[in-house]
Amino acid sequence: MTAPLLEASQLAVNILSAQSLLAAFGVLGVGVVMFAETGLLIGFFLPGDSLLFTAGLLCTGSGHGGLKLSLAPLLVAAAVGALAGAQCGYLIGRKAGGTLLARSDSPRLHAGAQRAEELLERYGYAKAIVLARFVPVVRTVLNPMAGALHVPVRTFTVWQVVGGLVWSLGLTLGGYALGSSIPNVDRYLLPMIALIVAVSLIPLAAELYRSRRTAATEKEAQG
């Protein structure tokens, strides 16, 4: 009776934990998560930033349990998943429009969609598509939003490839570089992941502050 319970506990995967996903699925899991987070609205909660960074770190053999990934296949999986996911999300947006968003009851998802639309309007297509890669949730919903708003296919494809490569390869190589230069870096993994998540939210917080400041200025001018 104990053996089946033990096996079941070992098979359990916490999809919100980068380490759990990597231990269970390895490099393949990185590609699948990148695709789901950037291409499917249901993937908005997945740990994209922390997964890439942790995977890069594990290529140095610095992780618990002796888990080590190969860097070259990891970079390929991360890039292909991120680029294919974004293009898929765009095509879904062109076909389904806002139907999928309308069916969702998630406040976080709708807030992300609003922010994505504001980014497209404020910064223009190229800059918004690149910036969105570094903002959780926004990078999930901007792709279908771009499709629904009929952003030109060529424009979207060029800039999502640029942003996708910088984001996916940059975070992965950042984790690899840190793991290679700092002994026992895995001891500080959780604080580093928390820092990455916090830094990734800075653009969103800055935009929110700027929007409120602009609104307050306009209100004062009208008053």
Protein backbone atom coordinates (compact mmCIF):
# COMPACT_ATOMS: atom_id res chain seq x y z
CA MET A 1 0.00 0.00 0.00
CA THR A 2 2.89 2.33 0.80
CA ALA A 3 4.67 1.78 -2.53
CA PRO A 4 1.79 2.99 -4.76
CA LEU A 5 1.35 6.06 -2.56
CA LEU A 6 5.07 6.83 -2.81
CA GLU A 7 5.03 6.42 -6.59
CA ALA A 8 2.00 8.69 -6.86
CA SER A 9 3.70 11.39 -4.80
CA GLN A 10 6.79 11.18 -7.02
CA LEU A 11 4.66 11.55 -10.15
CA ALA A 12 2.86 14.62 -8.81
CA VAL A 13 3.98 17.77 -10.59
CA ASN A 14 3.49 21.31 -9.36
CA ILE A 15 2.91 23.25 -12.60
CA LEU A 16 3.54 26.53 -10.76
CA SER A 17 7.03 25.43 -9.71
CA ALA A 18 9.87 25.74 -12.22
CA GLN A 19 11.95 23.13 -10.39
CA SER A 20 9.08 20.63 -10.30
CA LEU A 21 8.38 21.05 -14.02
CA LEU A 22 12.04 20.66 -14.94
CA ALA A 23 12.50 17.60 -12.75
CA ALA A 24 9.47 15.95 -14.35
CA PHE A 25 9.80 16.93 -18.01
CA GLY A 26 13.28 18.37 -18.56
CA VAL A 27 14.02 20.29 -21.76
CA LEU A 28 10.81 19.13 -23.44
CA GLY A 29 8.81 20.69 -20.62
CA VAL A 30 10.47 24.05 -21.26
CA GLY A 31 9.33 24.06 -24.88
CA VAL A 32 5.78 23.04 -23.98
CA VAL A 33 5.47 25.65 -21.22
CA MET A 34 6.86 28.40 -23.48
CA PHE A 35 4.32 27.48 -26.13
CA ALA A 36 1.41 27.34 -23.68
CA GLU A 37 2.29 30.56 -21.86
CA THR A 38 2.75 32.62 -25.01
CA GLY A 39 0.19 30.96 -27.27
CA LEU A 40 -2.75 29.77 -25.18
CA LEU A 41 -4.78 31.99 -22.87
CA ILE A 42 -5.05 29.15 -20.36
CA GLY A 43 -1.26 29.31 -19.90
CA PHE A 44 -1.16 32.81 -18.42
CA PHE A 45 -0.36 31.48 -14.92
CA LEU A 46 2.67 29.39 -15.93
CA PRO A 47 6.12 30.35 -14.57
CA GLY A 48 7.81 31.47 -17.80
CA ASP A 49 10.53 33.78 -16.45
CA SER A 50 11.53 31.59 -13.52
CA LEU A 51 11.43 28.44 -15.66
CA LEU A 52 13.87 29.83 -18.22
CA PHE A 53 16.25 31.16 -15.57
CA THR A 54 16.16 27.96 -13.50
CA ALA A 55 16.63 25.78 -16.58
CA GLY A 56 19.70 27.78 -17.57
CA LEU A 57 21.11 27.43 -14.07
CA LEU A 58 20.54 23.65 -14.12
CA CYS A 59 22.72 23.38 -17.23
CA THR A 60 25.68 24.00 -14.91
CA GLY A 61 24.78 21.11 -12.61
CA SER A 62 24.04 23.48 -9.73
CA GLY A 63 20.57 22.15 -8.95
CA HIS A 64 19.41 19.88 -6.15
CA GLY A 65 19.21 16.13 -6.83
CA GLY A 66 21.92 16.16 -9.49
CA LEU A 67 19.53 17.32 -12.22
CA LYS A 68 21.48 18.71 -15.16
CA LEU A 69 20.18 19.89 -18.52
CA SER A 70 22.03 20.32 -21.81
CA LEU A 71 22.37 23.96 -22.86
CA ALA A 72 22.08 23.65 -26.65
CA PRO A 73 18.84 21.61 -26.71
CA LEU A 74 17.44 23.87 -23.97
CA LEU A 75 18.07 27.03 -26.00
CA VAL A 76 16.41 25.46 -29.04
CA ALA A 77 13.39 24.29 -27.03
CA ALA A 78 12.96 27.66 -25.31
CA ALA A 79 13.22 29.65 -28.54
CA VAL A 80 10.99 27.35 -30.62
CA GLY A 81 8.34 27.16 -27.90
CA ALA A 82 8.29 30.94 -27.38
CA LEU A 83 8.19 31.81 -31.09
CA ALA A 84 5.70 29.13 -32.13
CA GLY A 85 3.47 29.94 -29.17
CA ALA A 86 3.30 33.65 -29.96
CA GLN A 87 2.50 32.99 -33.62
CA CYS A 88 -0.18 30.50 -32.64
CA GLY A 89 -1.73 33.01 -30.22
CA TYR A 90 -1.79 35.63 -32.97
CA LEU A 91 -3.56 33.27 -35.39
CA ILE A 92 -6.09 32.32 -32.71
CA GLY A 93 -6.77 36.01 -32.15
CA ARG A 94 -7.38 36.60 -35.85
CA LYS A 95 -9.82 33.69 -36.03
CA ALA A 96 -11.64 33.96 -32.71
CA GLY A 97 -11.32 37.68 -31.99
CA GLY A 98 -12.34 38.53 -28.44
CA THR A 99 -14.55 35.45 -28.00
CA LEU A 100 -12.06 33.53 -25.87
CA LEU A 101 -11.43 36.48 -23.57
CA ALA A 102 -15.15 37.11 -23.22
CA ARG A 103 -15.64 33.54 -22.00
CA SER A 104 -12.99 33.87 -19.28
CA ASP A 105 -13.94 34.95 -15.75
CA SER A 106 -10.35 35.66 -14.67
CA PRO A 107 -9.88 39.30 -13.54
CA ARG A 108 -6.13 38.90 -13.94
CA LEU A 109 -6.52 37.79 -17.55
CA HIS A 110 -8.86 40.66 -18.41
CA ALA A 111 -6.52 43.16 -16.75
CA GLY A 112 -3.68 41.76 -18.84
CA ALA A 113 -5.76 42.11 -22.00
CA GLN A 114 -6.51 45.74 -21.21
CA ARG A 115 -2.85 46.44 -20.57
CA ALA A 116 -1.88 44.68 -23.83
CA GLU A 117 -4.29 46.83 -25.83
CA GLU A 118 -2.98 49.98 -24.13
CA LEU A 119 0.61 48.99 -24.96
CA LEU A 120 -0.28 48.51 -28.63
CA GLU A 121 -2.01 51.88 -28.79
CA ARG A 122 0.61 53.83 -26.84
CA TYR A 123 3.89 52.44 -28.15
CA GLY A 124 2.98 51.21 -31.59
CA TYR A 125 3.16 47.64 -32.78
CA ALA A 126 6.92 47.00 -32.81
CA LYS A 127 7.82 48.34 -29.37
CA ALA A 128 4.71 46.93 -27.69
CA ILE A 129 5.25 43.41 -29.07
CA VAL A 130 8.86 43.36 -27.82
CA LEU A 131 8.10 44.91 -24.41
CA ALA A 132 5.19 42.55 -23.77
CA ARG A 133 7.56 39.57 -23.70
CA PHE A 134 8.94 40.77 -20.37
CA VAL A 135 5.60 41.32 -18.62
CA PRO A 136 3.82 38.26 -17.13
CA VAL A 137 0.23 37.74 -18.33
CA VAL A 138 0.61 40.57 -20.87
CA ARG A 139 2.91 38.36 -22.97
CA THR A 140 0.12 35.77 -23.01
CA VAL A 141 -2.75 38.02 -24.06
CA LEU A 142 -0.97 40.50 -26.34
CA ASN A 143 -0.52 37.91 -29.09
CA PRO A 144 -4.24 37.11 -29.56
CA MET A 145 -5.03 40.79 -29.01
CA ALA A 146 -2.66 41.67 -31.86
CA GLY A 147 -4.45 39.17 -34.05
CA ALA A 148 -7.89 40.45 -33.07
CA LEU A 149 -6.80 44.05 -33.78
CA HIS A 150 -5.44 42.96 -37.19
CA VAL A 151 -1.84 43.93 -36.63
CA PRO A 152 -0.14 43.14 -39.99
CA VAL A 153 1.17 39.57 -40.07
CA ARG A 154 4.63 40.59 -41.27
CA THR A 155 4.99 43.27 -38.59
CA PHE A 156 3.85 40.95 -35.80
CA THR A 157 6.05 38.07 -36.94
CA VAL A 158 9.24 40.13 -37.24
CA TRP A 159 8.90 41.78 -33.84
CA GLN A 160 7.64 38.77 -31.93
CA VAL A 161 10.70 36.87 -33.19
CA VAL A 162 12.99 39.68 -32.01
CA GLY A 163 11.32 39.95 -28.60
CA GLY A 164 10.95 36.18 -28.24
CA LEU A 165 14.62 35.47 -28.88
CA VAL A 166 15.85 38.23 -26.57
CA TRP A 167 13.50 37.09 -23.78
CA SER A 168 13.87 33.30 -24.01
CA LEU A 169 17.59 33.12 -24.79
CA GLY A 170 18.48 36.06 -22.55
CA LEU A 171 16.91 34.64 -19.39
CA THR A 172 18.22 31.14 -20.09
CA LEU A 173 21.78 32.33 -20.69
CA GLY A 174 21.50 34.62 -17.67
CA GLY A 175 20.76 31.63 -15.45
CA TYR A 176 23.57 29.67 -17.06
CA ALA A 177 26.08 32.49 -16.58
CA LEU A 178 25.15 32.96 -12.94
CA GLY A 179 25.29 29.24 -12.23
CA SER A 180 28.71 29.03 -13.86
CA SER A 181 30.20 31.94 -11.92
CA ILE A 182 28.78 31.51 -8.39
CA PRO A 183 29.47 28.32 -6.39
CA ASN A 184 26.39 26.69 -4.81
CA VAL A 185 24.14 29.28 -6.44
CA ASP A 186 21.16 26.96 -5.98
CA ARG A 187 21.06 28.04 -2.31
CA TYR A 188 19.88 31.45 -3.48
CA LEU A 189 17.52 30.19 -6.19
CA LEU A 190 14.23 31.14 -4.55
CA PRO A 191 15.29 34.74 -3.73
CA MET A 192 16.65 35.12 -7.28
CA ILE A 193 13.40 33.85 -8.81
CA ALA A 194 11.45 36.26 -6.62
CA LEU A 195 13.73 39.07 -7.82
CA ILE A 196 13.21 38.10 -11.47
CA VAL A 197 9.44 38.12 -11.04
CA ALA A 198 9.61 41.50 -9.28
CA VAL A 199 11.82 42.99 -12.01
CA SER A 200 9.51 41.65 -14.72
CA LEU A 201 6.64 43.55 -13.13
CA ILE A 202 8.50 46.89 -13.20
CA PRO A 203 7.39 47.81 -16.75
CA LEU A 204 3.77 47.11 -15.85
CA ALA A 205 4.01 49.14 -12.62
CA ALA A 206 5.74 52.00 -14.46
CA GLU A 207 3.02 52.07 -17.09
CA LEU A 208 0.30 52.04 -14.45
CA TYR A 209 1.95 54.93 -12.61
CA ARG A 210 2.42 56.88 -15.85
CA SER A 211 -1.21 56.31 -16.85
CA ARG A 212 -2.51 57.52 -13.49
CA ARG A 213 -0.21 60.54 -13.56
CA THR A 214 -1.38 61.45 -17.06
CA ALA A 215 -5.01 61.04 -16.06
CA ALA A 216 -4.48 63.24 -12.99
CA THR A 217 -2.76 65.91 -15.10
CA GLU A 218 -5.59 65.93 -17.62
CA LYS A 219 -8.14 66.17 -14.81
CA GLU A 220 -6.32 69.15 -13.31
CA ALA A 221 -6.15 70.83 -16.72
CA GLN A 222 -9.89 70.36 -17.25
CA GLY A 223 -10.63 71.61 -13.72
